[in-house]
Amino acid sequence: MKGILLLNGLPYTEEIDCENAYVVCCDGAYKWAHGKVNIDENVGDFDSLDIVPTPPPSEIYPSEKDFTDGEIALFKLLAKGVDEVEIYGGFGGRYDHFIGNLHLLYAAHSRGVVAKMIDENTVAFLGNGRIDLSGNCKKTFSLLPFGGVVHIINSTGCKYAYPEKIGYGECRGISNIAVSDNASVTVGENDCALIIVNRGEV
């Protein structure tokens, strides 16, 4: 089952495919998501929303709490048994929130759940082993370490070759270009890489 997580960052303006998906909306994301998608559950402390959302939340969390609204919503999706998560509204807004949202990707990935954060121009996701970039010919992507040093085993269909490894504090993985529809990067089995794909052509 697919889970969809809606966050209170920059509103997502394109259509969201919610068929056969469980949709959880966080707090202020309701402002842009209401009427756009069929929300199954609203979650949060609702400190950034001045109306009661539909459906009404089963619980209103205190504004001072250990977990963010996004974490609570992700945990609910994971408890539902989803095997993939799409996050919308995770870009933009406060920079600390954006970095936190990247950690939501890691939280899902570390539990064996495929997760992507999507906006109109970019897709961010974590991967290990063979990372498939098919369908992204002529698009720019960046590979950055996330969770440890990334050991590059090989890459195909990429304009620029990679070093053997990329560690924290290194930017050598920024702005590569897929030159084939079958582009891929293979990293060490236990390593994570943050891949950011520009959905527009170079």
C-alpha atoms as a PDB file:
ATOM      1  CA  MET A   1       0.000   0.000   0.000  1.00  0.00           C
ATOM      2  CA  LYS A   2       1.144   3.521  -0.750  1.00  0.00           C
ATOM      3  CA  GLY A   3       1.107   6.218   1.887  1.00  0.00           C
ATOM      4  CA  ILE A   4       0.947   9.913   1.069  1.00  0.00           C
ATOM      5  CA  LEU A   5       2.184  12.478   3.557  1.00  0.00           C
ATOM      6  CA  LEU A   6       1.200  16.127   3.100  1.00  0.00           C
ATOM      7  CA  LEU A   7       3.361  18.746   4.835  1.00  0.00           C
ATOM      8  CA  ASN A   8       3.072  22.474   5.439  1.00  0.00           C
ATOM      9  CA  GLY A   9       5.925  23.610   3.195  1.00  0.00           C
ATOM     10  CA  LEU A  10       5.504  25.027  -0.288  1.00  0.00           C
ATOM     11  CA  PRO A  11       2.094  23.925  -1.616  1.00  0.00           C
ATOM     12  CA  TYR A  12       2.208  21.253  -4.297  1.00  0.00           C
ATOM     13  CA  THR A  13       0.303  22.585  -7.313  1.00  0.00           C
ATOM     14  CA  GLU A  14       0.185  19.560  -9.617  1.00  0.00           C
ATOM     15  CA  GLU A  15      -2.189  16.606  -9.411  1.00  0.00           C
ATOM     16  CA  ILE A  16      -1.487  13.967  -6.739  1.00  0.00           C
ATOM     17  CA  ASP A  17      -2.431  10.368  -7.521  1.00  0.00           C
ATOM     18  CA  CYS A  18      -4.137   9.135  -4.356  1.00  0.00           C
ATOM     19  CA  GLU A  19      -5.707   5.995  -5.826  1.00  0.00           C
ATOM     20  CA  ASN A  20      -5.215   3.027  -3.471  1.00  0.00           C
ATOM     21  CA  ALA A  21      -3.257   5.256  -1.101  1.00  0.00           C
ATOM     22  CA  TYR A  22      -3.735   6.272   2.525  1.00  0.00           C
ATOM     23  CA  VAL A  23      -3.388  10.045   2.848  1.00  0.00           C
ATOM     24  CA  VAL A  24      -2.279  11.763   6.052  1.00  0.00           C
ATOM     25  CA  CYS A  25      -2.311  15.561   6.180  1.00  0.00           C
ATOM     26  CA  CYS A  26      -0.211  17.496   8.687  1.00  0.00           C
ATOM     27  CA  ASP A  27      -1.638  20.580  10.317  1.00  0.00           C
ATOM     28  CA  GLY A  28      -1.282  23.648   8.057  1.00  0.00           C
ATOM     29  CA  ALA A  29      -0.920  21.553   4.892  1.00  0.00           C
ATOM     30  CA  TYR A  30      -4.711  21.338   5.060  1.00  0.00           C
ATOM     31  CA  LYS A  31      -4.826  24.883   3.685  1.00  0.00           C
ATOM     32  CA  TRP A  32      -3.453  23.780   0.315  1.00  0.00           C
ATOM     33  CA  ALA A  33      -4.525  20.132   0.310  1.00  0.00           C
ATOM     34  CA  HIS A  34      -8.222  20.463   1.231  1.00  0.00           C
ATOM     35  CA  GLY A  35     -10.325  19.941  -1.888  1.00  0.00           C
ATOM     36  CA  LYS A  36      -7.259  18.844  -3.853  1.00  0.00           C
ATOM     37  CA  VAL A  37      -6.847  15.339  -2.423  1.00  0.00           C
ATOM     38  CA  ASN A  38      -9.010  12.948  -0.455  1.00  0.00           C
ATOM     39  CA  ILE A  39      -7.557  13.138   3.066  1.00  0.00           C
ATOM     40  CA  ASP A  40      -7.961  10.024   5.200  1.00  0.00           C
ATOM     41  CA  GLU A  41      -6.503  11.437   8.409  1.00  0.00           C
ATOM     42  CA  ASN A  42      -5.469  14.834   9.750  1.00  0.00           C
ATOM     43  CA  VAL A  43      -2.594  14.888  12.230  1.00  0.00           C
ATOM     44  CA  GLY A  44      -0.888  17.525  14.318  1.00  0.00           C
ATOM     45  CA  ASP A  45      -1.130  20.164  16.994  1.00  0.00           C
ATOM     46  CA  PHE A  46      -2.968  22.467  14.557  1.00  0.00           C
ATOM     47  CA  ASP A  47      -1.076  25.510  15.776  1.00  0.00           C
ATOM     48  CA  SER A  48      -0.918  26.773  12.183  1.00  0.00           C
ATOM     49  CA  LEU A  49      -4.558  26.113  11.286  1.00  0.00           C
ATOM     50  CA  ASP A  50      -7.497  28.193  12.471  1.00  0.00           C
ATOM     51  CA  ILE A  51     -10.285  25.786  11.476  1.00  0.00           C
ATOM     52  CA  VAL A  52     -11.204  22.218  12.349  1.00  0.00           C
ATOM     53  CA  PRO A  53     -10.153  20.060   9.374  1.00  0.00           C
ATOM     54  CA  THR A  54     -12.224  17.354   7.711  1.00  0.00           C
ATOM     55  CA  PRO A  55     -12.081  14.578   8.716  1.00  0.00           C
ATOM     56  CA  PRO A  56     -11.643  15.853  12.277  1.00  0.00           C
ATOM     57  CA  PRO A  57      -8.464  14.624  13.992  1.00  0.00           C
ATOM     58  CA  SER A  58      -8.782  11.729  16.409  1.00  0.00           C
ATOM     59  CA  GLU A  59      -6.266  13.472  18.655  1.00  0.00           C
ATOM     60  CA  ILE A  60      -4.853  16.974  18.900  1.00  0.00           C
ATOM     61  CA  TYR A  61      -1.240  16.871  20.007  1.00  0.00           C
ATOM     62  CA  PRO A  62       0.334  19.520  22.242  1.00  0.00           C
ATOM     63  CA  SER A  63       2.421  22.112  20.418  1.00  0.00           C
ATOM     64  CA  GLU A  64       5.339  21.347  22.768  1.00  0.00           C
ATOM     65  CA  LYS A  65       6.147  17.703  22.069  1.00  0.00           C
ATOM     66  CA  ASP A  66       9.059  15.389  21.320  1.00  0.00           C
ATOM     67  CA  PHE A  67       8.077  14.583  17.716  1.00  0.00           C
ATOM     68  CA  THR A  68       7.200  16.828  14.799  1.00  0.00           C
ATOM     69  CA  ASP A  69       3.819  16.542  13.121  1.00  0.00           C
ATOM     70  CA  GLY A  70       5.609  14.994  10.139  1.00  0.00           C
ATOM     71  CA  GLU A  71       7.186  12.307  12.314  1.00  0.00           C
ATOM     72  CA  ILE A  72       3.855  11.467  13.933  1.00  0.00           C
ATOM     73  CA  ALA A  73       2.195  11.220  10.523  1.00  0.00           C
ATOM     74  CA  LEU A  74       5.003   9.031   9.149  1.00  0.00           C
ATOM     75  CA  PHE A  75       4.780   6.699  12.143  1.00  0.00           C
ATOM     76  CA  LYS A  76       1.038   6.361  11.492  1.00  0.00           C
ATOM     77  CA  LEU A  77       1.696   5.415   7.876  1.00  0.00           C
ATOM     78  CA  LEU A  78       4.358   2.905   8.868  1.00  0.00           C
ATOM     79  CA  ALA A  79       1.941   1.383  11.396  1.00  0.00           C
ATOM     80  CA  LYS A  80      -0.549   0.975   8.537  1.00  0.00           C
ATOM     81  CA  GLY A  81       2.002  -1.254   6.795  1.00  0.00           C
ATOM     82  CA  VAL A  82       2.727   0.963   3.795  1.00  0.00           C
ATOM     83  CA  ASP A  83       5.610  -0.132   1.586  1.00  0.00           C
ATOM     84  CA  GLU A  84       6.083   3.224  -0.124  1.00  0.00           C
ATOM     85  CA  VAL A  85       5.601   6.835   0.928  1.00  0.00           C
ATOM     86  CA  GLU A  86       5.291   9.982  -1.160  1.00  0.00           C
ATOM     87  CA  ILE A  87       5.823  13.290   0.639  1.00  0.00           C
ATOM     88  CA  TYR A  88       4.395  16.532  -0.757  1.00  0.00           C
ATOM     89  CA  GLY A  89       4.866  20.018   0.683  1.00  0.00           C
ATOM     90  CA  GLY A  90       8.219  19.031   2.182  1.00  0.00           C
ATOM     91  CA  PHE A  91      10.305  21.598   0.284  1.00  0.00           C
ATOM     92  CA  GLY A  92      10.464  25.299   0.994  1.00  0.00           C
ATOM     93  CA  GLY A  93       9.402  27.008   4.180  1.00  0.00           C
ATOM     94  CA  ARG A  94      11.851  26.958   7.080  1.00  0.00           C
ATOM     95  CA  TYR A  95      15.251  25.484   6.256  1.00  0.00           C
ATOM     96  CA  ASP A  96      15.400  23.515   9.498  1.00  0.00           C
ATOM     97  CA  HIS A  97      12.034  21.940   8.661  1.00  0.00           C
ATOM     98  CA  PHE A  98      13.305  21.016   5.196  1.00  0.00           C
ATOM     99  CA  ILE A  99      16.370  19.290   6.646  1.00  0.00           C
ATOM    100  CA  GLY A 100      14.102  17.540   9.127  1.00  0.00           C
ATOM    101  CA  ASN A 101      11.932  16.354   6.260  1.00  0.00           C
ATOM    102  CA  LEU A 102      14.972  14.753   4.647  1.00  0.00           C
ATOM    103  CA  HIS A 103      15.325  12.768   7.857  1.00  0.00           C
ATOM    104  CA  LEU A 104      11.755  11.536   7.371  1.00  0.00           C
ATOM    105  CA  LEU A 105      13.029   9.963   4.145  1.00  0.00           C
ATOM    106  CA  TYR A 106      15.811   8.309   6.125  1.00  0.00           C
ATOM    107  CA  ALA A 107      13.389   7.097   8.807  1.00  0.00           C
ATOM    108  CA  ALA A 108      11.275   5.384   6.155  1.00  0.00           C
ATOM    109  CA  HIS A 109      14.273   4.069   4.203  1.00  0.00           C
ATOM    110  CA  SER A 110      15.887   2.570   7.299  1.00  0.00           C
ATOM    111  CA  ARG A 111      12.683   0.596   7.858  1.00  0.00           C
ATOM    112  CA  GLY A 112      12.671  -0.826   4.338  1.00  0.00           C
ATOM    113  CA  VAL A 113      10.045   1.585   2.998  1.00  0.00           C
ATOM    114  CA  VAL A 114      10.644   3.366  -0.308  1.00  0.00           C
ATOM    115  CA  ALA A 115      10.116   7.094   0.250  1.00  0.00           C
ATOM    116  CA  LYS A 116      10.272  10.092  -2.057  1.00  0.00           C
ATOM    117  CA  MET A 117       9.820  13.790  -1.415  1.00  0.00           C
ATOM    118  CA  ILE A 118       8.341  15.440  -4.459  1.00  0.00           C
ATOM    119  CA  ASP A 119       7.685  18.929  -5.737  1.00  0.00           C
ATOM    120  CA  GLU A 120       7.070  20.265  -9.222  1.00  0.00           C
ATOM    121  CA  ASN A 121      10.781  20.394 -10.082  1.00  0.00           C
ATOM    122  CA  THR A 122      12.554  17.926  -7.828  1.00  0.00           C
ATOM    123  CA  VAL A 123      12.405  14.417  -6.425  1.00  0.00           C
ATOM    124  CA  ALA A 124      14.547  13.567  -3.385  1.00  0.00           C
ATOM    125  CA  PHE A 125      15.011   9.994  -2.177  1.00  0.00           C
ATOM    126  CA  LEU A 126      17.476   7.709  -0.429  1.00  0.00           C
ATOM    127  CA  GLY A 127      18.926   4.549  -1.853  1.00  0.00           C
ATOM    128  CA  ASN A 128      21.534   1.844  -1.526  1.00  0.00           C
ATOM    129  CA  GLY A 129      22.703  -0.980  -3.744  1.00  0.00           C
ATOM    130  CA  ARG A 130      21.759  -0.256  -7.360  1.00  0.00           C
ATOM    131  CA  ILE A 131      19.932   3.073  -7.605  1.00  0.00           C
ATOM    132  CA  ASP A 132      17.825   3.115 -10.749  1.00  0.00           C
ATOM    133  CA  LEU A 133      17.652   6.484 -12.529  1.00  0.00           C
ATOM    134  CA  SER A 134      15.872   5.204 -15.640  1.00  0.00           C
ATOM    135  CA  GLY A 135      13.568   7.669 -17.349  1.00  0.00           C
ATOM    136  CA  ASN A 136      15.679  10.671 -16.335  1.00  0.00           C
ATOM    137  CA  CYS A 137      17.711  11.158 -19.505  1.00  0.00           C
ATOM    138  CA  LYS A 138      18.975  14.756 -19.846  1.00  0.00           C
ATOM    139  CA  LYS A 139      18.050  15.507 -16.249  1.00  0.00           C
ATOM    140  CA  THR A 140      20.408  16.758 -13.575  1.00  0.00           C
ATOM    141  CA  PHE A 141      20.834  14.796 -10.356  1.00  0.00           C
ATOM    142  CA  SER A 142      23.031  15.024  -7.290  1.00  0.00           C
ATOM    143  CA  LEU A 143      24.345  12.193  -5.141  1.00  0.00           C
ATOM    144  CA  LEU A 144      25.195  13.080  -1.546  1.00  0.00           C
ATOM    145  CA  PRO A 145      26.071  10.954   1.486  1.00  0.00           C
ATOM    146  CA  PHE A 146      23.299  10.496   4.008  1.00  0.00           C
ATOM    147  CA  GLY A 147      23.787   8.049   6.843  1.00  0.00           C
ATOM    148  CA  GLY A 148      27.461   7.386   6.153  1.00  0.00           C
ATOM    149  CA  VAL A 149      30.223   7.596   3.565  1.00  0.00           C
ATOM    150  CA  VAL A 150      28.943   6.587   0.124  1.00  0.00           C
ATOM    151  CA  HIS A 151      31.157   4.011  -1.584  1.00  0.00           C
ATOM    152  CA  ILE A 152      30.588   4.144  -5.347  1.00  0.00           C
ATOM    153  CA  ILE A 153      30.875   0.725  -6.955  1.00  0.00           C
ATOM    154  CA  ASN A 154      29.969   1.823 -10.478  1.00  0.00           C
ATOM    155  CA  SER A 155      27.733   4.086 -12.508  1.00  0.00           C
ATOM    156  CA  THR A 156      26.232   3.843 -15.985  1.00  0.00           C
ATOM    157  CA  GLY A 157      24.602   6.400 -18.223  1.00  0.00           C
ATOM    158  CA  CYS A 158      26.066   9.342 -16.283  1.00  0.00           C
ATOM    159  CA  LYS A 159      27.955  12.243 -17.841  1.00  0.00           C
ATOM    160  CA  TYR A 160      30.553  12.438 -15.056  1.00  0.00           C
ATOM    161  CA  ALA A 161      32.441   9.618 -13.356  1.00  0.00           C
ATOM    162  CA  TYR A 162      32.367   9.351  -9.580  1.00  0.00           C
ATOM    163  CA  PRO A 163      35.239   8.972  -7.150  1.00  0.00           C
ATOM    164  CA  GLU A 164      35.474   5.734  -5.196  1.00  0.00           C
ATOM    165  CA  LYS A 165      33.760   7.337  -2.232  1.00  0.00           C
ATOM    166  CA  ILE A 166      32.034  10.555  -1.200  1.00  0.00           C
ATOM    167  CA  GLY A 167      32.053  11.573   2.452  1.00  0.00           C
ATOM    168  CA  TYR A 168      30.498  14.294   4.557  1.00  0.00           C
ATOM    169  CA  GLY A 169      31.913  17.700   3.704  1.00  0.00           C
ATOM    170  CA  GLU A 170      32.449  16.739   0.040  1.00  0.00           C
ATOM    171  CA  CYS A 171      30.365  18.059  -2.839  1.00  0.00           C
ATOM    172  CA  ARG A 172      31.757  15.969  -5.712  1.00  0.00           C
ATOM    173  CA  GLY A 173      28.376  14.351  -6.237  1.00  0.00           C
ATOM    174  CA  ILE A 174      26.589  17.598  -7.071  1.00  0.00           C
ATOM    175  CA  SER A 175      25.099  18.147 -10.552  1.00  0.00           C
ATOM    176  CA  ASN A 176      25.705  15.045 -12.607  1.00  0.00           C
ATOM    177  CA  ILE A 177      23.607  14.474 -15.732  1.00  0.00           C
ATOM    178  CA  ALA A 178      21.854  11.331 -16.900  1.00  0.00           C
ATOM    179  CA  VAL A 179      22.799  10.787 -20.554  1.00  0.00           C
ATOM    180  CA  SER A 180      20.849   7.546 -20.924  1.00  0.00           C
ATOM    181  CA  ASP A 181      17.320   6.399 -20.153  1.00  0.00           C
ATOM    182  CA  ASN A 182      18.932   3.476 -18.307  1.00  0.00           C
ATOM    183  CA  ALA A 183      21.199   5.480 -16.015  1.00  0.00           C
ATOM    184  CA  SER A 184      22.048   4.002 -12.631  1.00  0.00           C
ATOM    185  CA  VAL A 185      24.489   4.320  -9.762  1.00  0.00           C
ATOM    186  CA  THR A 186      25.506   1.374  -7.572  1.00  0.00           C
ATOM    187  CA  VAL A 187      26.697   2.136  -4.050  1.00  0.00           C
ATOM    188  CA  GLY A 188      27.869  -0.104  -1.212  1.00  0.00           C
ATOM    189  CA  GLU A 189      25.096  -2.280   0.180  1.00  0.00           C
ATOM    190  CA  ASN A 190      25.130  -0.664   3.604  1.00  0.00           C
ATOM    191  CA  ASP A 191      25.542   2.923   2.422  1.00  0.00           C
ATOM    192  CA  CYS A 192      22.850   5.514   1.839  1.00  0.00           C
ATOM    193  CA  ALA A 193      22.830   8.175  -0.825  1.00  0.00           C
ATOM    194  CA  LEU A 194      20.533  11.152  -1.149  1.00  0.00           C
ATOM    195  CA  ILE A 195      19.611  11.532  -4.808  1.00  0.00           C
ATOM    196  CA  ILE A 196      18.026  14.804  -5.897  1.00  0.00           C
ATOM    197  CA  VAL A 197      16.656  14.789  -9.440  1.00  0.00           C
ATOM    198  CA  ASN A 198      15.788  17.934 -11.351  1.00  0.00           C
ATOM    199  CA  ARG A 199      12.660  16.980 -13.272  1.00  0.00           C
ATOM    200  CA  GLY A 200      13.430  19.498 -16.013  1.00  0.00           C
ATOM    201  CA  GLU A 201      15.932  18.942 -18.795  1.00  0.00           C
ATOM    202  CA  VAL A 202      19.451  20.348 -18.606  1.00  0.00           C
END
